[in-house]
Protein backbone atom coordinates (compact mmCIF):
# COMPACT_ATOMS: atom_id res chain seq x y z
CA MET A 1 -8.40 8.32 49.93
CA SER A 2 -8.32 6.89 53.33
CA ARG A 3 -10.51 9.82 54.90
CA GLN A 4 -14.78 10.18 54.28
CA ASP A 5 -13.75 13.97 54.46
CA ASP A 6 -11.09 14.06 51.77
CA GLN A 7 -13.30 12.39 49.36
CA GLU A 8 -14.99 15.07 46.36
CA SER A 9 -18.37 14.63 47.03
CA LEU A 10 -21.29 16.26 44.89
CA SER A 11 -23.37 16.65 47.81
CA LYS A 12 -23.12 19.68 50.06
CA ILE A 13 -25.26 17.48 52.97
CA VAL A 14 -22.57 16.66 55.45
CA GLY A 15 -21.26 13.06 55.61
CA VAL A 16 -23.18 12.17 52.36
CA VAL A 17 -20.78 11.18 49.36
CA VAL A 18 -22.00 10.65 45.95
CA ARG A 19 -18.81 10.05 44.29
CA PRO A 20 -18.93 8.96 40.33
CA LEU A 21 -17.89 5.84 39.07
CA SER A 22 -15.96 4.98 36.28
CA ARG A 23 -16.06 2.19 33.64
CA HIS A 24 -13.32 0.64 32.47
CA ARG A 25 -13.94 -0.16 29.11
CA ASP A 26 -12.16 -2.88 26.48
CA GLU A 27 -13.02 -5.15 23.72
CA ARG A 28 -14.73 -7.28 25.98
CA GLY A 29 -16.75 -5.01 27.95
CA TRP A 30 -16.47 -2.97 30.84
CA LEU A 31 -15.40 -2.93 34.59
CA THR A 32 -16.35 -0.90 37.56
CA GLU A 33 -14.72 -0.93 41.16
CA LEU A 34 -17.43 0.02 43.12
CA TRP A 35 -15.68 -0.16 46.44
CA ARG A 36 -12.21 -0.21 48.36
CA HIS A 37 -11.34 -0.91 51.93
CA ASP A 38 -8.40 1.55 51.15
CA GLN A 39 -10.56 4.45 49.66
CA LEU A 40 -13.42 3.90 52.01
CA PRO A 41 -13.50 4.60 55.84
CA ARG A 42 -13.76 1.49 57.98
CA GLU A 43 -17.22 2.66 59.69
CA PHE A 44 -18.44 2.06 56.19
CA TRP A 45 -17.26 -1.26 55.10
CA PRO A 46 -20.08 -3.53 53.90
CA ALA A 47 -21.35 -6.12 56.04
CA MET A 48 -23.95 -7.48 53.35
CA THR A 49 -24.32 -7.00 49.73
CA TYR A 50 -27.51 -7.09 47.66
CA LEU A 51 -29.22 -6.25 44.14
CA SER A 52 -32.62 -5.07 44.02
CA GLN A 53 -34.97 -4.73 40.61
CA THR A 54 -37.24 -1.60 40.59
CA GLU A 55 -39.81 -1.52 38.04
CA ALA A 56 -40.07 1.74 36.19
CA GLY A 57 -41.97 4.85 37.91
CA VAL A 58 -41.57 3.42 41.27
CA ALA A 59 -40.32 4.57 44.25
CA ARG A 60 -38.38 3.06 47.08
CA GLY A 61 -38.50 4.95 50.31
CA PRO A 62 -38.48 7.95 51.78
CA HIS A 63 -36.72 6.50 55.22
CA GLU A 64 -34.19 6.81 57.30
CA HIS A 65 -31.77 4.69 59.48
CA VAL A 66 -30.59 5.12 63.43
CA ASP A 67 -27.30 3.05 63.04
CA GLN A 68 -27.39 1.75 59.03
CA ALA A 69 -25.45 3.82 56.62
CA ASP A 70 -26.18 3.03 52.92
CA TYR A 71 -23.79 2.49 49.88
CA PHE A 72 -25.42 2.26 46.95
CA CYS A 73 -23.91 2.00 43.61
CA PHE A 74 -26.23 3.73 40.57
CA MET A 75 -24.49 2.16 37.47
CA GLY A 76 -27.83 0.75 35.45
CA PRO A 77 -30.11 -0.77 34.01
CA GLY A 78 -32.18 2.18 34.39
CA THR A 79 -31.45 5.77 35.73
CA PHE A 80 -33.33 6.81 39.30
CA ARG A 81 -33.84 10.25 40.89
CA LEU A 82 -31.96 10.15 44.29
CA HIS A 83 -33.89 12.21 47.18
CA LEU A 84 -31.74 13.20 50.55
CA TRP A 85 -32.73 15.07 53.46
CA ASP A 86 -30.66 15.49 56.30
CA ASN A 87 -32.94 15.15 59.11
CA ARG A 88 -29.95 15.18 61.78
CA MET A 89 -30.69 18.44 64.06
CA GLN A 90 -26.76 18.44 64.97
CA SER A 91 -25.67 18.86 61.52
CA THR A 92 -24.50 22.04 59.71
CA SER A 93 -26.84 21.06 56.71
CA TYR A 94 -29.83 20.05 59.03
CA GLU A 95 -32.90 20.35 56.79
CA ARG A 96 -31.13 20.67 53.75
CA TYR A 97 -32.79 18.81 50.46
CA GLU A 98 -30.85 17.78 47.31
CA SER A 99 -32.00 15.26 44.51
CA PHE A 100 -29.36 13.89 41.88
CA GLU A 101 -30.25 12.05 38.28
CA LEU A 102 -27.62 8.54 38.85
CA GLY A 103 -27.52 5.41 36.87
CA GLU A 104 -26.55 4.53 33.16
CA GLU A 105 -25.63 7.55 31.96
CA MET A 106 -24.58 8.67 35.32
CA PRO A 107 -22.79 5.85 37.19
CA ALA A 108 -21.70 6.93 41.15
CA ALA A 109 -21.85 5.30 44.38
CA VAL A 110 -23.51 7.10 47.16
CA ILE A 111 -22.80 7.36 50.93
CA ILE A 112 -25.78 7.99 52.71
CA PRO A 113 -24.83 8.26 57.07
CA PRO A 114 -27.83 7.11 59.42
CA GLY A 115 -30.39 10.46 60.04
CA VAL A 116 -30.16 10.84 56.22
CA VAL A 117 -33.49 10.54 54.76
CA HIS A 118 -33.43 9.10 51.75
CA ALA A 119 -35.68 7.68 48.64
CA TYR A 120 -35.43 6.80 44.87
CA GLN A 121 -37.47 6.92 42.02
CA ASN A 122 -36.77 4.85 38.65
CA ILE A 123 -37.18 7.21 35.86
CA SER A 124 -36.68 4.90 33.46
CA ARG A 125 -39.08 3.57 30.91
CA GLY A 126 -38.15 -0.15 31.88
CA PRO A 127 -36.65 -2.06 35.00
CA GLY A 128 -33.60 -0.28 37.02
CA TRP A 129 -31.20 -2.18 39.09
CA VAL A 130 -29.28 -0.69 42.50
CA ILE A 131 -26.63 -1.89 44.57
CA ASN A 132 -26.43 -1.37 48.00
CA CYS A 133 -23.37 -2.11 50.38
CA PRO A 134 -24.80 -1.43 53.62
CA ASN A 135 -22.11 -1.59 56.79
CA ARG A 136 -24.92 -3.59 58.85
CA LEU A 137 -26.48 -6.95 58.23
CA TYR A 138 -30.49 -6.36 57.90
CA ARG A 139 -32.39 -7.45 60.86
CA GLY A 140 -28.56 -8.10 62.26
CA GLU A 141 -26.95 -11.70 62.61
CA GLY A 142 -29.62 -14.24 61.55
CA TYR A 143 -32.30 -11.85 61.19
CA ALA A 144 -32.46 -11.79 65.46
CA GLU A 145 -32.86 -7.78 65.23
CA GLU A 146 -35.46 -5.16 64.37
CA VAL A 147 -35.20 -3.50 61.24
CA ASP A 148 -33.53 -0.33 61.18
CA GLU A 149 -35.56 1.94 59.62
CA ILE A 150 -37.96 4.80 59.97
CA ARG A 151 -40.17 4.80 57.00
CA HIS A 152 -41.26 8.03 56.24
CA GLU A 153 -43.30 6.54 52.99
CA ASP A 154 -46.23 5.27 55.30
CA ASP A 155 -46.64 8.20 56.68
CA PRO A 156 -49.09 10.89 54.25
CA GLN A 157 -48.23 14.10 57.03
CA SER A 158 -44.46 13.22 56.37
CA PRO A 159 -42.95 16.09 55.57
CA PHE A 160 -40.36 14.02 53.46
CA GLN A 161 -42.01 13.93 50.01
CA LEU A 162 -40.47 13.30 46.70
CA GLY A 163 -39.86 16.14 45.01
CA ARG A 164 -40.39 18.38 47.93
CA ALA A 165 -37.97 19.89 50.06
CA ARG A 166 -38.95 20.05 53.55
């Protein structure tokens, strides 16, 4: 698939793609393709990749980006509850809230376009890993730019709360 619109998604938020990932197993273990440029629209091609570990019960977010799209891969170890809120006034899915449990038992890749507020919480008993392949460099070339992040988690009055739709 070469266009985002053609990708089957578990999400009903416009532009968000939640796509299960397959583990190809053999006697050596398993292999999973995280992304392929012939299946990912060019606008979402990664500029960098990082791996984060989140402790049990801990959440990251909610926050959103103005220009950056995230491409998260939830593969395990661990299971995460991903929360999404469409905060784009021009979107036909504006104010829609969704959540998904992804990770070890349900490996998935998720494209989150700019303007979609997102958070994830490790709901496992131990540490969990998340890979992100965003389409922008963190703080730009040479770390010379401002961080592209609106941090709703810093606002106790934010309508974006884990487990609660707006």
